[in-house]
N, C-alpha and C. Protein backbone atom coordinates (compact mmCIF):
# COMPACT_ATOMS: atom_id res chain seq x y z
N MET A 1 0.70 -1.16 0.06
CA MET A 1 0.03 0.02 0.00
C MET A 1 0.95 1.25 0.04
N MET A 2 0.43 2.26 -0.75
CA MET A 2 1.26 3.44 -0.79
C MET A 2 0.67 4.52 0.21
N THR A 3 1.48 5.03 1.04
CA THR A 3 1.08 5.92 2.06
C THR A 3 1.47 7.31 1.67
N ILE A 4 0.67 8.29 2.13
CA ILE A 4 0.89 9.71 1.82
C ILE A 4 1.02 10.46 3.16
N LYS A 5 2.05 11.22 3.23
CA LYS A 5 2.29 12.01 4.50
C LYS A 5 2.41 13.34 4.24
N GLY A 6 1.72 14.24 5.08
CA GLY A 6 1.93 15.63 5.05
C GLY A 6 0.75 16.27 4.48
N LEU A 7 0.25 17.36 5.00
CA LEU A 7 -0.96 18.13 4.55
C LEU A 7 -0.91 18.45 3.02
N ASP A 8 0.19 19.07 2.65
CA ASP A 8 0.33 19.37 1.24
C ASP A 8 0.27 18.19 0.32
N ALA A 9 0.88 17.10 0.65
CA ALA A 9 0.83 15.96 -0.18
C ALA A 9 -0.61 15.42 -0.28
N ILE A 10 -1.34 15.42 0.89
CA ILE A 10 -2.63 14.91 0.91
C ILE A 10 -3.55 15.75 0.11
N LEU A 11 -3.57 17.06 0.15
CA LEU A 11 -4.28 17.98 -0.50
C LEU A 11 -4.02 17.87 -2.02
N LYS A 12 -2.87 17.45 -2.43
CA LYS A 12 -2.60 17.29 -3.92
C LYS A 12 -3.01 16.03 -4.54
N VAL A 13 -3.51 15.06 -3.79
CA VAL A 13 -3.90 13.77 -4.23
C VAL A 13 -4.96 13.85 -5.38
N GLY A 14 -5.97 14.71 -5.12
CA GLY A 14 -7.07 14.71 -6.08
C GLY A 14 -6.66 15.34 -7.45
N ASN A 15 -5.47 15.98 -7.50
CA ASN A 15 -5.07 16.76 -8.69
C ASN A 15 -4.00 15.98 -9.38
N THR A 16 -3.69 14.66 -8.95
CA THR A 16 -2.73 13.97 -9.77
C THR A 16 -3.07 13.62 -11.09
N PHE A 17 -4.34 13.10 -11.29
CA PHE A 17 -4.81 12.62 -12.60
C PHE A 17 -5.46 13.76 -13.38
N LEU A 18 -5.08 13.72 -14.62
CA LEU A 18 -5.70 14.76 -15.57
C LEU A 18 -6.66 13.93 -16.48
N THR A 19 -7.91 14.49 -16.53
CA THR A 19 -8.94 13.94 -17.32
C THR A 19 -9.43 14.84 -18.36
N PHE A 20 -9.44 14.50 -19.55
CA PHE A 20 -9.80 15.30 -20.72
C PHE A 20 -11.30 15.20 -20.81
N LYS A 21 -11.93 16.37 -21.15
CA LYS A 21 -13.33 16.46 -21.25
C LYS A 21 -13.72 16.75 -22.58
N ASP A 22 -14.90 16.27 -23.00
CA ASP A 22 -15.49 16.55 -24.42
C ASP A 22 -15.42 18.04 -24.71
N LYS A 23 -14.77 18.42 -25.77
CA LYS A 23 -14.73 19.73 -26.41
C LYS A 23 -14.28 20.80 -25.45
N LYS A 24 -13.34 20.38 -24.49
CA LYS A 24 -12.72 21.25 -23.68
C LYS A 24 -11.28 21.20 -23.78
N PRO A 25 -10.57 21.79 -24.77
CA PRO A 25 -9.20 21.55 -25.04
C PRO A 25 -8.20 21.94 -23.78
N LEU A 26 -7.10 21.30 -23.76
CA LEU A 26 -6.12 21.52 -22.61
C LEU A 26 -4.80 21.72 -23.32
N THR A 27 -4.04 22.69 -22.86
CA THR A 27 -2.71 22.99 -23.38
C THR A 27 -1.69 22.46 -22.32
N LEU A 28 -0.77 21.52 -22.91
CA LEU A 28 0.04 20.86 -22.02
C LEU A 28 1.51 20.74 -22.63
N LEU A 29 2.44 20.46 -21.73
CA LEU A 29 3.89 20.21 -22.13
C LEU A 29 4.05 18.67 -21.71
N PHE A 30 4.39 17.86 -22.59
CA PHE A 30 4.66 16.44 -22.23
C PHE A 30 5.89 16.25 -21.58
N ILE A 31 5.89 15.46 -20.52
CA ILE A 31 7.15 14.96 -19.83
C ILE A 31 7.57 13.68 -20.37
N ASP A 32 6.77 12.83 -20.65
CA ASP A 32 6.93 11.50 -21.15
C ASP A 32 6.48 11.36 -22.63
N TRP A 33 7.34 10.94 -23.55
CA TRP A 33 6.92 10.64 -24.84
C TRP A 33 8.05 9.73 -25.50
N TYR A 34 7.85 9.44 -26.62
CA TYR A 34 8.86 8.57 -27.33
C TYR A 34 9.23 7.45 -26.59
N GLU A 35 10.49 7.25 -26.30
CA GLU A 35 11.07 5.96 -25.58
C GLU A 35 10.64 5.92 -24.11
N ASN A 36 10.11 7.02 -23.57
CA ASN A 36 9.77 7.11 -22.07
C ASN A 36 8.37 6.64 -21.90
N LEU A 37 7.58 6.28 -22.94
CA LEU A 37 6.25 5.84 -22.73
C LEU A 37 6.21 4.49 -22.11
N VAL A 38 5.37 4.16 -21.24
CA VAL A 38 5.07 2.96 -20.49
C VAL A 38 3.70 2.52 -20.51
N GLY A 39 3.51 1.29 -20.94
CA GLY A 39 2.13 0.70 -21.05
C GLY A 39 1.94 -0.42 -19.95
N ILE A 40 0.76 -0.53 -19.51
CA ILE A 40 0.40 -1.62 -18.48
C ILE A 40 -0.97 -2.03 -18.77
N ARG A 41 -1.21 -3.33 -18.62
CA ARG A 41 -2.60 -3.82 -18.87
C ARG A 41 -3.47 -3.70 -17.54
N GLU A 42 -4.64 -3.16 -17.79
CA GLU A 42 -5.56 -2.87 -16.64
C GLU A 42 -6.90 -3.46 -16.81
N HIS A 43 -7.51 -4.02 -15.73
CA HIS A 43 -8.85 -4.42 -15.68
C HIS A 43 -9.65 -3.20 -15.16
N TYR A 44 -10.85 -3.09 -15.68
CA TYR A 44 -11.87 -2.02 -15.16
C TYR A 44 -12.93 -2.80 -14.53
N GLU A 45 -13.00 -2.73 -13.21
CA GLU A 45 -14.12 -3.36 -12.46
C GLU A 45 -14.74 -2.45 -11.46
N PRO A 46 -15.91 -1.82 -12.00
CA PRO A 46 -16.57 -0.78 -11.21
C PRO A 46 -17.02 -1.12 -9.81
N THR A 47 -17.13 -2.48 -9.45
CA THR A 47 -17.49 -2.96 -8.13
C THR A 47 -16.34 -3.00 -7.18
N LEU A 48 -15.09 -2.88 -7.71
CA LEU A 48 -13.96 -3.08 -6.84
C LEU A 48 -13.42 -1.56 -6.49
N LYS A 49 -12.74 -1.52 -5.45
CA LYS A 49 -11.94 -0.26 -5.10
C LYS A 49 -10.54 -0.73 -4.84
N PRO A 50 -9.66 -0.24 -5.77
CA PRO A 50 -9.76 0.69 -6.80
C PRO A 50 -10.53 0.03 -7.99
N LYS A 51 -11.03 0.88 -8.80
CA LYS A 51 -11.75 0.35 -10.04
C LYS A 51 -10.89 -0.15 -11.12
N TYR A 52 -9.66 0.39 -11.22
CA TYR A 52 -8.66 0.04 -12.19
C TYR A 52 -7.72 -0.76 -11.48
N ILE A 53 -7.55 -2.04 -11.91
CA ILE A 53 -6.62 -3.07 -11.40
C ILE A 53 -5.53 -3.35 -12.38
N ARG A 54 -4.33 -3.12 -11.91
CA ARG A 54 -3.19 -3.44 -12.93
C ARG A 54 -2.82 -4.85 -12.86
N CYS A 55 -3.00 -5.44 -14.04
CA CYS A 55 -2.87 -6.83 -14.08
C CYS A 55 -1.44 -7.36 -13.96
N PRO A 56 -1.21 -8.41 -13.15
CA PRO A 56 0.07 -8.95 -12.88
C PRO A 56 0.50 -10.06 -13.94
N GLY A 57 -0.55 -10.31 -14.79
CA GLY A 57 -0.25 -11.41 -15.78
C GLY A 57 -1.40 -12.36 -15.71
N THR A 58 -1.85 -12.85 -16.92
CA THR A 58 -3.01 -13.76 -16.96
C THR A 58 -2.86 -15.05 -16.23
N ASP A 59 -1.55 -15.47 -16.11
CA ASP A 59 -1.37 -16.72 -15.38
C ASP A 59 -1.45 -16.68 -13.94
N VAL A 60 -1.44 -15.45 -13.36
CA VAL A 60 -1.55 -15.28 -11.91
C VAL A 60 -2.58 -14.39 -11.40
N CYS A 61 -3.26 -13.73 -12.29
CA CYS A 61 -4.20 -12.71 -11.81
C CYS A 61 -5.51 -13.37 -11.52
N PRO A 62 -5.97 -13.10 -10.31
CA PRO A 62 -7.37 -13.61 -9.84
C PRO A 62 -8.44 -13.20 -10.76
N LEU A 63 -8.49 -11.96 -11.17
CA LEU A 63 -9.54 -11.50 -12.12
C LEU A 63 -9.47 -12.25 -13.48
N CYS A 64 -8.31 -12.47 -13.93
CA CYS A 64 -8.22 -13.18 -15.31
C CYS A 64 -8.72 -14.63 -14.95
N HIS A 65 -8.51 -15.17 -13.90
CA HIS A 65 -8.91 -16.52 -13.58
C HIS A 65 -10.38 -16.66 -13.58
N VAL A 66 -11.14 -15.72 -12.90
CA VAL A 66 -12.63 -15.77 -12.75
C VAL A 66 -13.31 -15.29 -14.11
N ASN A 67 -12.54 -14.42 -14.89
CA ASN A 67 -13.19 -14.00 -16.09
C ASN A 67 -12.13 -14.25 -17.31
N PRO A 68 -11.98 -15.45 -17.72
CA PRO A 68 -10.85 -15.70 -18.63
C PRO A 68 -11.24 -15.12 -20.00
N GLY A 69 -12.35 -14.77 -20.29
CA GLY A 69 -12.82 -14.18 -21.60
C GLY A 69 -12.69 -12.62 -21.57
N LYS A 70 -12.43 -12.05 -20.46
CA LYS A 70 -12.28 -10.65 -20.38
C LYS A 70 -10.78 -10.21 -20.24
N TYR A 71 -10.22 -9.89 -21.37
CA TYR A 71 -8.79 -9.63 -21.30
C TYR A 71 -8.50 -8.18 -20.88
N PRO A 72 -7.56 -7.96 -20.05
CA PRO A 72 -7.32 -6.48 -19.65
C PRO A 72 -6.83 -5.64 -20.85
N ASN A 73 -7.15 -4.25 -20.65
CA ASN A 73 -6.91 -3.41 -21.75
C ASN A 73 -5.56 -2.72 -21.54
N LEU A 74 -4.79 -2.48 -22.66
CA LEU A 74 -3.61 -1.86 -22.46
C LEU A 74 -3.72 -0.39 -22.34
N LYS A 75 -3.09 0.21 -21.33
CA LYS A 75 -3.18 1.67 -21.00
C LYS A 75 -1.81 2.15 -20.93
N ILE A 76 -1.64 3.39 -21.62
CA ILE A 76 -0.35 4.06 -21.62
C ILE A 76 -0.40 5.10 -20.61
N LYS A 77 0.66 5.18 -19.73
CA LYS A 77 0.67 6.08 -18.72
C LYS A 77 1.84 7.11 -18.96
N LEU A 78 1.52 8.39 -18.84
CA LEU A 78 2.51 9.42 -19.07
C LEU A 78 2.26 10.60 -18.20
N ARG A 79 3.38 11.37 -18.04
CA ARG A 79 3.27 12.60 -17.27
C ARG A 79 3.12 13.75 -18.17
N VAL A 80 2.43 14.81 -17.77
CA VAL A 80 2.33 15.97 -18.53
C VAL A 80 2.47 17.20 -17.56
N TYR A 81 2.86 18.36 -18.11
CA TYR A 81 2.92 19.53 -17.14
C TYR A 81 1.72 20.37 -17.58
N ASP A 82 0.79 20.69 -16.54
CA ASP A 82 -0.31 21.56 -16.67
C ASP A 82 0.06 22.93 -16.24
N PRO A 83 0.21 23.93 -17.25
CA PRO A 83 0.64 25.25 -16.81
C PRO A 83 -0.26 26.06 -16.07
N LEU A 84 -1.54 25.77 -16.25
CA LEU A 84 -2.48 26.56 -15.46
C LEU A 84 -2.41 26.20 -13.95
N ASP A 85 -2.07 25.01 -13.58
CA ASP A 85 -2.00 24.60 -12.22
C ASP A 85 -0.60 24.67 -11.81
N ASN A 86 0.41 24.70 -12.71
CA ASN A 86 1.82 24.68 -12.51
C ASN A 86 2.31 23.35 -11.81
N LYS A 87 1.66 22.21 -12.26
CA LYS A 87 1.90 20.95 -11.65
C LYS A 87 2.12 19.88 -12.72
N ILE A 88 2.82 18.80 -12.30
CA ILE A 88 2.94 17.73 -13.10
C ILE A 88 1.78 16.72 -12.80
N LYS A 89 1.15 16.28 -13.88
CA LYS A 89 -0.11 15.32 -13.70
C LYS A 89 0.10 14.08 -14.53
N LEU A 90 -0.72 13.07 -14.23
CA LEU A 90 -0.71 11.85 -14.95
C LEU A 90 -1.85 11.68 -15.87
N VAL A 91 -1.50 11.21 -17.04
CA VAL A 91 -2.59 10.76 -18.03
C VAL A 91 -2.48 9.37 -18.40
N SER A 92 -3.72 8.80 -18.62
CA SER A 92 -3.81 7.36 -18.93
C SER A 92 -4.59 7.34 -20.27
N LEU A 93 -3.97 6.82 -21.30
CA LEU A 93 -4.71 6.67 -22.64
C LEU A 93 -4.52 5.43 -23.27
N ALA A 94 -5.56 5.07 -24.11
CA ALA A 94 -5.38 3.81 -24.82
C ALA A 94 -4.34 3.82 -25.97
N LYS A 95 -3.97 2.77 -26.44
CA LYS A 95 -2.98 2.68 -27.61
C LYS A 95 -3.41 3.46 -28.79
N THR A 96 -4.71 3.33 -29.07
CA THR A 96 -5.25 3.97 -30.32
C THR A 96 -5.15 5.47 -30.19
N HIS A 97 -5.37 5.99 -28.94
CA HIS A 97 -5.31 7.46 -28.70
C HIS A 97 -3.85 8.02 -28.77
N ILE A 98 -2.96 7.24 -28.38
CA ILE A 98 -1.51 7.54 -28.45
C ILE A 98 -1.16 7.54 -29.85
N GLN A 99 -1.59 6.60 -30.70
CA GLN A 99 -1.29 6.64 -32.05
C GLN A 99 -1.73 7.91 -32.83
N LYS A 100 -2.91 8.23 -32.43
CA LYS A 100 -3.62 9.46 -32.97
C LYS A 100 -2.78 10.64 -32.72
N LEU A 101 -2.49 10.87 -31.42
CA LEU A 101 -1.56 11.99 -31.03
C LEU A 101 -0.23 12.06 -31.74
N HIS A 102 0.36 10.79 -31.90
CA HIS A 102 1.58 10.62 -32.61
C HIS A 102 1.53 11.14 -33.95
N THR A 103 0.38 10.74 -34.62
CA THR A 103 0.17 11.18 -36.07
C THR A 103 0.08 12.67 -36.12
N ASP A 104 -0.72 13.28 -35.17
CA ASP A 104 -0.81 14.73 -35.23
C ASP A 104 0.39 15.46 -34.99
N PHE A 105 1.26 14.91 -34.06
CA PHE A 105 2.46 15.56 -33.76
C PHE A 105 3.50 15.48 -35.05
N ASN A 106 3.50 14.50 -35.69
CA ASN A 106 4.20 14.33 -36.88
C ASN A 106 3.73 15.14 -38.04
N LEU A 107 2.36 15.26 -38.14
CA LEU A 107 1.72 16.13 -39.12
C LEU A 107 2.15 17.66 -38.97
N TYR A 108 2.18 18.10 -37.74
CA TYR A 108 2.58 19.49 -37.39
C TYR A 108 4.06 19.62 -37.16
N MET A 109 4.73 18.49 -37.18
CA MET A 109 6.29 18.51 -36.98
C MET A 109 6.56 19.26 -35.63
N ILE A 110 5.90 18.75 -34.69
CA ILE A 110 6.25 19.35 -33.26
C ILE A 110 6.67 18.26 -32.38
N ASP A 111 7.46 18.61 -31.39
CA ASP A 111 7.94 17.76 -30.25
C ASP A 111 7.27 18.20 -29.05
N PRO A 112 6.24 17.31 -28.60
CA PRO A 112 5.39 17.69 -27.43
C PRO A 112 6.21 17.84 -26.08
N THR A 113 7.46 17.38 -26.02
CA THR A 113 8.27 17.46 -24.93
C THR A 113 9.03 18.83 -24.86
N LYS A 114 9.01 19.54 -25.97
CA LYS A 114 9.74 20.91 -26.04
C LYS A 114 8.80 21.94 -26.27
N ASP A 115 7.67 21.78 -26.80
CA ASP A 115 6.74 22.82 -27.04
C ASP A 115 5.30 22.58 -26.62
N PHE A 116 4.57 23.51 -26.12
CA PHE A 116 3.26 23.28 -25.59
C PHE A 116 2.30 22.84 -26.82
N VAL A 117 1.55 21.94 -26.62
CA VAL A 117 0.48 21.46 -27.55
C VAL A 117 -0.89 21.44 -26.94
N THR A 118 -1.82 21.64 -27.82
CA THR A 118 -3.31 21.70 -27.28
C THR A 118 -3.94 20.43 -27.72
N ILE A 119 -4.46 19.69 -26.71
CA ILE A 119 -5.12 18.35 -26.80
C ILE A 119 -6.58 18.61 -26.69
N SER A 120 -7.32 17.93 -27.66
CA SER A 120 -8.75 18.17 -27.67
C SER A 120 -9.39 16.76 -27.57
N ARG A 121 -10.44 16.63 -26.94
CA ARG A 121 -11.14 15.38 -26.85
C ARG A 121 -12.54 15.48 -27.52
N SER A 122 -13.01 14.44 -28.28
CA SER A 122 -14.29 14.53 -28.88
C SER A 122 -14.99 13.14 -28.61
N GLY A 123 -16.11 13.27 -27.90
CA GLY A 123 -16.90 12.10 -27.45
C GLY A 123 -16.74 11.86 -26.09
N THR A 124 -17.70 11.07 -25.59
CA THR A 124 -17.72 10.70 -24.16
C THR A 124 -17.73 9.17 -23.81
N GLY A 125 -18.01 8.34 -24.85
CA GLY A 125 -18.03 6.93 -24.62
C GLY A 125 -16.79 6.35 -25.00
N ALA A 126 -16.64 4.96 -24.61
CA ALA A 126 -15.34 4.17 -24.89
C ALA A 126 -15.20 4.01 -26.30
N ASN A 127 -16.29 3.93 -27.04
CA ASN A 127 -16.16 3.57 -28.53
C ASN A 127 -16.14 4.77 -29.40
N ASP A 128 -16.62 5.98 -28.96
CA ASP A 128 -16.69 7.11 -29.77
C ASP A 128 -15.79 8.27 -29.43
N THR A 129 -14.85 8.02 -28.47
CA THR A 129 -13.91 9.07 -28.07
C THR A 129 -12.68 9.03 -28.97
N THR A 130 -12.27 10.23 -29.46
CA THR A 130 -11.04 10.38 -30.32
C THR A 130 -10.40 11.61 -29.68
N TYR A 131 -9.00 11.71 -29.95
CA TYR A 131 -8.14 12.84 -29.52
C TYR A 131 -7.48 13.37 -30.69
N SER A 132 -7.25 14.72 -30.51
CA SER A 132 -6.40 15.44 -31.66
C SER A 132 -5.46 16.33 -30.95
N ALA A 133 -4.53 16.69 -31.66
CA ALA A 133 -3.46 17.56 -31.20
C ALA A 133 -3.02 18.57 -32.21
N LYS A 134 -2.65 19.85 -31.73
CA LYS A 134 -2.20 20.83 -32.59
C LYS A 134 -1.20 21.72 -31.89
N PRO A 135 -0.44 22.49 -32.50
CA PRO A 135 0.49 23.39 -31.77
C PRO A 135 -0.18 24.42 -31.06
N TYR A 136 0.41 24.91 -29.99
CA TYR A 136 -0.23 25.94 -29.15
C TYR A 136 0.32 27.25 -29.63
N TYR A 137 -0.58 28.20 -29.94
CA TYR A 137 -0.32 29.59 -30.35
C TYR A 137 -0.95 30.46 -29.48
N TYR A 138 -0.16 31.49 -28.91
CA TYR A 138 -0.71 32.41 -27.96
C TYR A 138 -1.53 33.49 -28.78
N THR A 139 -2.75 33.76 -28.23
CA THR A 139 -3.58 34.84 -28.68
C THR A 139 -4.04 35.65 -27.48
N SER A 140 -4.27 36.87 -27.73
CA SER A 140 -4.80 37.77 -26.65
C SER A 140 -6.25 37.73 -26.38
N VAL A 141 -6.97 36.84 -27.02
CA VAL A 141 -8.38 36.65 -26.83
C VAL A 141 -8.77 36.18 -25.44
N ASP A 142 -9.73 36.77 -24.88
CA ASP A 142 -10.29 36.44 -23.49
C ASP A 142 -9.16 36.44 -22.40
N GLU A 143 -8.22 37.38 -22.65
CA GLU A 143 -7.17 37.47 -21.64
C GLU A 143 -6.38 36.08 -21.31
N GLU A 144 -6.27 35.50 -22.39
CA GLU A 144 -5.49 34.15 -22.17
C GLU A 144 -4.11 34.34 -21.66
N PRO A 145 -3.68 33.62 -20.57
CA PRO A 145 -2.40 33.80 -19.99
C PRO A 145 -1.34 33.42 -21.00
N ILE A 146 -0.15 33.99 -20.83
CA ILE A 146 1.02 33.62 -21.62
C ILE A 146 1.70 32.40 -20.91
N LEU A 147 1.79 31.31 -21.74
CA LEU A 147 2.38 30.09 -21.15
C LEU A 147 3.89 30.12 -21.34
N ARG A 148 4.51 29.81 -20.22
CA ARG A 148 5.94 29.80 -20.30
C ARG A 148 6.46 28.42 -19.76
N LYS A 149 7.55 27.97 -20.31
CA LYS A 149 8.06 26.62 -19.92
C LYS A 149 8.64 26.71 -18.53
N PRO A 150 8.29 25.80 -17.68
CA PRO A 150 8.78 25.83 -16.31
C PRO A 150 10.25 25.39 -16.06
N ASP A 151 10.66 25.68 -15.03
CA ASP A 151 11.96 25.21 -14.43
C ASP A 151 11.65 23.86 -13.62
N PHE A 152 11.86 22.76 -14.16
CA PHE A 152 11.52 21.50 -13.65
C PHE A 152 12.26 21.24 -12.33
N ASN A 153 13.30 22.00 -12.15
CA ASN A 153 13.98 21.84 -10.88
C ASN A 153 13.26 22.50 -9.66
N GLU A 154 12.35 23.32 -10.00
CA GLU A 154 11.54 23.91 -8.92
C GLU A 154 10.15 23.37 -8.77
N ILE A 155 9.91 22.27 -9.65
CA ILE A 155 8.51 21.69 -9.57
C ILE A 155 8.70 20.24 -9.09
N GLU A 156 7.73 19.85 -8.21
CA GLU A 156 7.82 18.47 -7.70
C GLU A 156 7.52 17.49 -8.80
N MET A 157 8.38 16.60 -9.13
CA MET A 157 8.16 15.69 -10.21
C MET A 157 7.28 14.54 -9.76
N LEU A 158 6.24 14.15 -10.43
CA LEU A 158 5.42 13.11 -10.04
C LEU A 158 6.13 11.75 -10.30
N ASP A 159 6.16 10.91 -9.26
CA ASP A 159 6.70 9.51 -9.30
C ASP A 159 5.70 8.64 -10.02
N ILE A 160 6.03 8.18 -11.32
CA ILE A 160 5.16 7.41 -12.07
C ILE A 160 5.18 5.95 -11.78
N SER A 161 6.21 5.48 -11.00
CA SER A 161 6.51 4.18 -10.84
C SER A 161 5.29 3.40 -10.19
N THR A 162 4.57 4.13 -9.28
CA THR A 162 3.40 3.45 -8.59
C THR A 162 2.35 3.14 -9.56
N TYR A 163 2.19 3.91 -10.66
CA TYR A 163 1.14 3.74 -11.54
C TYR A 163 1.48 2.83 -12.70
N ILE A 164 2.75 2.41 -12.80
CA ILE A 164 2.98 1.43 -13.86
C ILE A 164 3.55 0.08 -13.20
N THR A 165 3.19 -0.06 -11.94
CA THR A 165 3.61 -1.25 -11.27
C THR A 165 2.33 -2.06 -11.04
N SER A 166 2.36 -3.40 -11.36
CA SER A 166 1.20 -4.21 -11.33
C SER A 166 0.80 -4.48 -9.86
N HIS A 167 -0.50 -4.59 -9.67
CA HIS A 167 -1.00 -5.08 -8.33
C HIS A 167 -0.55 -6.45 -8.15
N SER A 168 -0.28 -6.90 -6.97
CA SER A 168 0.03 -8.22 -6.76
C SER A 168 -1.21 -9.14 -6.79
N PRO A 169 -1.08 -10.40 -7.05
CA PRO A 169 -2.27 -11.36 -6.92
C PRO A 169 -2.92 -11.24 -5.61
N GLY A 170 -2.12 -11.18 -4.52
CA GLY A 170 -2.74 -11.10 -3.18
C GLY A 170 -3.47 -9.71 -2.97
N GLU A 171 -2.99 -8.63 -3.43
CA GLU A 171 -3.74 -7.36 -3.33
C GLU A 171 -5.09 -7.40 -4.12
N ILE A 172 -4.98 -8.04 -5.32
CA ILE A 172 -6.24 -8.18 -6.15
C ILE A 172 -7.24 -9.07 -5.47
N GLN A 173 -6.81 -10.12 -4.87
CA GLN A 173 -7.78 -10.99 -4.10
C GLN A 173 -8.33 -10.33 -2.91
N GLU A 174 -7.63 -9.42 -2.25
CA GLU A 174 -8.15 -8.61 -1.12
C GLU A 174 -9.16 -7.68 -1.63
N PHE A 175 -8.87 -7.01 -2.81
CA PHE A 175 -10.07 -6.11 -3.40
C PHE A 175 -11.33 -6.94 -3.59
N MET A 176 -11.15 -8.08 -4.30
CA MET A 176 -12.32 -9.02 -4.59
C MET A 176 -13.05 -9.40 -3.34
N ASN A 177 -12.30 -9.69 -2.27
CA ASN A 177 -12.89 -10.19 -1.05
C ASN A 177 -13.62 -9.07 -0.45
N ALA A 178 -13.12 -7.88 -0.37
CA ALA A 178 -13.64 -6.75 0.18
C ALA A 178 -15.08 -6.46 -0.51
N ALA A 179 -15.04 -6.47 -1.77
CA ALA A 179 -16.26 -6.25 -2.61
C ALA A 179 -17.33 -7.20 -2.35
N SER A 180 -16.88 -8.43 -2.22
CA SER A 180 -17.92 -9.53 -1.87
C SER A 180 -18.43 -9.39 -0.56
N THR A 181 -17.64 -8.96 0.42
CA THR A 181 -18.10 -8.75 1.74
C THR A 181 -19.18 -7.57 1.79
N ILE A 182 -18.83 -6.59 1.20
CA ILE A 182 -19.81 -5.38 1.10
C ILE A 182 -21.04 -5.82 0.46
N TYR A 183 -20.96 -6.61 -0.70
CA TYR A 183 -22.19 -6.99 -1.39
C TYR A 183 -23.02 -7.84 -0.46
N ASN A 184 -22.41 -8.84 0.23
CA ASN A 184 -23.15 -9.72 1.14
C ASN A 184 -23.87 -8.89 2.21
N LEU A 185 -23.16 -7.93 2.82
CA LEU A 185 -23.78 -7.14 3.85
C LEU A 185 -24.94 -6.31 3.35
N GLN A 186 -24.78 -5.83 2.12
CA GLN A 186 -25.94 -4.98 1.60
C GLN A 186 -27.15 -5.96 1.31
N GLN A 187 -26.89 -7.13 0.77
CA GLN A 187 -27.98 -8.05 0.58
C GLN A 187 -28.65 -8.46 1.92
N ALA A 188 -27.90 -8.64 2.99
CA ALA A 188 -28.44 -8.97 4.29
C ALA A 188 -29.30 -7.91 4.83
N GLN A 189 -28.77 -6.55 4.64
CA GLN A 189 -29.61 -5.41 5.07
C GLN A 189 -30.87 -5.35 4.34
N PHE A 190 -30.86 -5.61 2.98
CA PHE A 190 -32.00 -5.45 2.23
C PHE A 190 -33.03 -6.57 2.61
N GLN A 191 -32.59 -7.71 2.77
CA GLN A 191 -33.51 -8.91 3.22
C GLN A 191 -34.17 -8.50 4.52
N CYS A 192 -33.33 -7.88 5.47
CA CYS A 192 -33.99 -7.55 6.77
C CYS A 192 -34.98 -6.48 6.65
N SER A 193 -34.84 -5.59 5.76
CA SER A 193 -35.69 -4.34 5.73
C SER A 193 -36.82 -4.73 4.69
N SER A 194 -36.77 -5.69 3.93
CA SER A 194 -37.80 -5.95 2.99
C SER A 194 -39.05 -6.48 3.52
N PRO A 195 -40.27 -5.78 3.17
CA PRO A 195 -41.58 -6.12 3.82
C PRO A 195 -41.92 -7.53 3.22
N THR A 196 -41.42 -7.92 2.06
CA THR A 196 -41.89 -9.18 1.46
C THR A 196 -41.30 -10.45 2.17
N LEU A 197 -40.45 -10.18 3.05
CA LEU A 197 -39.74 -11.34 3.78
C LEU A 197 -40.56 -11.76 5.07
N SER A 198 -41.63 -10.98 5.36
CA SER A 198 -42.43 -11.24 6.52
C SER A 198 -43.23 -12.53 6.18
N LEU A 199 -43.05 -13.55 7.05
CA LEU A 199 -43.76 -14.74 6.82
C LEU A 199 -44.93 -14.97 7.86
N THR A 200 -45.99 -15.51 7.35
CA THR A 200 -47.09 -15.88 8.32
C THR A 200 -47.01 -17.36 8.57
N THR A 201 -47.38 -17.81 9.75
CA THR A 201 -47.22 -19.18 10.06
C THR A 201 -48.34 -19.97 9.63
N GLU A 202 -49.53 -19.31 9.25
CA GLU A 202 -50.66 -19.94 8.77
C GLU A 202 -50.31 -20.81 7.53
N GLY A 203 -50.65 -22.04 7.55
CA GLY A 203 -50.54 -22.98 6.33
C GLY A 203 -49.03 -23.20 6.03
N PHE A 204 -48.12 -22.81 7.02
CA PHE A 204 -46.63 -23.05 6.77
C PHE A 204 -46.21 -24.43 7.45
N ASP A 205 -45.60 -25.20 6.63
CA ASP A 205 -45.17 -26.51 7.11
C ASP A 205 -43.78 -26.31 7.67
N GLU A 206 -43.69 -26.43 8.98
CA GLU A 206 -42.35 -26.29 9.59
C GLU A 206 -41.31 -27.34 9.21
N LYS A 207 -41.80 -28.49 8.72
CA LYS A 207 -40.90 -29.54 8.32
C LYS A 207 -40.33 -29.18 7.00
N GLU A 208 -40.97 -28.45 6.23
CA GLU A 208 -40.54 -28.14 4.82
C GLU A 208 -39.37 -27.16 4.84
N PRO A 209 -38.21 -27.45 4.31
CA PRO A 209 -37.10 -26.48 4.39
C PRO A 209 -37.42 -25.23 3.59
N LEU A 210 -37.03 -24.10 4.16
CA LEU A 210 -37.28 -22.87 3.43
C LEU A 210 -36.27 -22.65 2.29
N ARG A 211 -36.75 -22.49 1.25
CA ARG A 211 -36.00 -22.29 0.03
C ARG A 211 -35.47 -20.79 -0.13
N THR A 212 -34.28 -20.61 -0.22
CA THR A 212 -33.58 -19.35 -0.38
C THR A 212 -32.77 -19.20 -1.62
N THR A 213 -32.50 -18.01 -2.08
CA THR A 213 -31.59 -17.83 -3.22
C THR A 213 -30.46 -17.10 -2.76
N ASN A 214 -29.24 -17.53 -3.04
CA ASN A 214 -28.04 -16.84 -2.55
C ASN A 214 -27.42 -16.23 -3.78
N HIS A 215 -27.38 -14.79 -3.76
CA HIS A 215 -26.83 -14.08 -4.83
C HIS A 215 -25.32 -13.80 -4.61
N LYS A 216 -24.44 -14.22 -5.61
CA LYS A 216 -23.06 -14.17 -5.41
C LYS A 216 -22.48 -13.25 -6.57
N LEU A 217 -21.35 -12.70 -6.23
CA LEU A 217 -20.55 -11.97 -7.19
C LEU A 217 -19.95 -13.01 -8.21
N PRO A 218 -19.57 -12.55 -9.36
CA PRO A 218 -19.04 -13.43 -10.40
C PRO A 218 -17.59 -13.74 -10.13
N PHE A 219 -17.22 -13.65 -8.80
CA PHE A 219 -15.88 -14.10 -8.34
C PHE A 219 -15.75 -14.48 -6.95
């Protein structure tokens, strides 16, 4: 487990990840690109905490074992500099999105690690989302701030190692067990509060076993 110490560090946790929104371009300077890009396969399981599980390999991963037909997706992790917050943030993109950005960078002959680029997202779903990139040009419209390259010696560099290290099989099993426990507790609370579970003794054969249905998670 990764621990976080200090007020400043704790307050920064929510600002670590950068999420692109539909039709809301962001201007960034890439820290990682070319040979520095790292990909890792992830499971997305909304019932688990965390929802994104970094797969340790199909041969040892508990999620792969219970869902052999659900292969983890390849996600590329990279760091970018957000000039509006003056912080280094983490971006997670699919391989197809990385390929599209790479094509645009080549088209405009820009190096995203040396010059600011404007990244735009179109779409909101997993299947209709696309990304595009273009060079950043300063304009004086709407009092847009002048973006300047930072001195990275004065900015705290985000440690990406945590986000590109697989969860261990034991950790994943603990996530699954915790989700199963919560689910069972919720079901028990629902059954206790449900009016349909009130049984009358009239016409009830005490010798006949009560039939119940056990709802289980798919793992």
